[in-house]
Amino acid sequence: MTSLADEKDAIREQMARYCYALDACRFDEVAALFAEDGEWTTSYGTARGRAEIAALLDSNVPKPGEGP
């Protein structure tokens, strides 16, 4: 049986993986954190599934040196 503290720790770890992968522009790793049929919905688009999520991020998130 997992404790509430263990569950919270798991959520923190998942968020850390998400943040580090997004900051490093490793969009396939970000997308892998979603369920197979997961959906990303933002003001700049919607994507369903890991491949679409990675592609949406790749086309909208500036890589280091490309953005402001």
Protein backbone atom coordinates (compact mmCIF):
# COMPACT_ATOMS: atom_id res chain seq x y z
CA MET A 1 0.00 0.00 0.00
CA THR A 2 1.36 3.41 -0.91
CA SER A 3 1.11 6.29 1.47
CA LEU A 4 -0.16 9.75 0.67
CA ALA A 5 3.42 11.01 0.98
CA ASP A 6 4.59 8.43 -1.59
CA GLU A 7 1.83 9.47 -3.98
CA LYS A 8 2.71 13.14 -3.63
CA ASP A 9 6.38 12.32 -4.18
CA ALA A 10 5.51 10.43 -7.37
CA ILE A 11 3.58 13.46 -8.65
CA ARG A 12 6.53 15.75 -7.87
CA GLU A 13 8.89 13.41 -9.73
CA GLN A 14 6.58 13.33 -12.75
CA MET A 15 6.36 17.12 -12.78
CA ALA A 16 10.15 17.39 -12.52
CA ARG A 17 10.58 15.05 -15.52
CA TYR A 18 8.07 17.16 -17.45
CA CYS A 19 9.78 20.47 -16.59
CA TYR A 20 13.31 19.27 -17.33
CA ALA A 21 12.32 17.67 -20.65
CA LEU A 22 10.32 20.73 -21.74
CA ASP A 23 13.12 23.14 -20.79
CA ALA A 24 15.60 20.99 -22.76
CA CYS A 25 13.24 20.89 -25.78
CA ARG A 26 13.07 17.09 -25.58
CA PHE A 27 9.48 17.02 -26.77
CA ASP A 28 9.32 13.25 -27.32
CA GLU A 29 10.15 12.82 -23.63
CA VAL A 30 7.44 15.31 -22.66
CA ALA A 31 4.91 13.49 -24.83
CA ALA A 32 5.93 10.13 -23.34
CA LEU A 33 4.67 11.35 -19.97
CA PHE A 34 1.11 11.43 -21.38
CA ALA A 35 -1.18 8.44 -21.84
CA GLU A 36 -1.24 6.98 -25.36
CA ASP A 37 -4.45 8.90 -26.08
CA GLY A 38 -3.56 11.89 -23.90
CA GLU A 39 -4.58 15.35 -25.05
CA TRP A 40 -2.67 18.63 -24.88
CA THR A 41 -4.93 21.68 -25.18
CA THR A 42 -3.55 25.22 -25.21
CA SER A 43 -4.29 28.59 -26.76
CA TYR A 44 -2.02 27.68 -29.69
CA GLY A 45 -3.54 24.32 -30.52
CA THR A 46 -4.72 20.90 -29.49
CA ALA A 47 -3.01 17.56 -30.01
CA ARG A 48 -4.11 14.02 -29.19
CA GLY A 49 -1.64 11.20 -28.75
CA ARG A 50 2.07 11.30 -28.07
CA ALA A 51 3.22 11.89 -31.66
CA GLU A 52 0.85 14.83 -32.14
CA ILE A 53 1.79 16.32 -28.76
CA ALA A 54 5.51 16.16 -29.60
CA ALA A 55 4.88 17.69 -33.03
CA LEU A 56 2.76 20.51 -31.60
CA LEU A 57 5.42 21.37 -29.05
CA ASP A 58 8.17 21.18 -31.66
CA SER A 59 6.32 23.61 -33.94
CA ASN A 60 5.43 26.11 -31.21
CA VAL A 61 8.09 26.12 -28.49
CA PRO A 62 11.22 28.10 -29.38
CA LYS A 63 14.46 26.16 -29.11
CA PRO A 64 17.42 27.69 -27.28
CA GLY A 65 18.66 30.65 -29.28
CA GLU A 66 15.49 30.91 -31.39
CA GLY A 67 13.15 32.79 -29.05
CA PRO A 68 13.16 35.86 -26.89
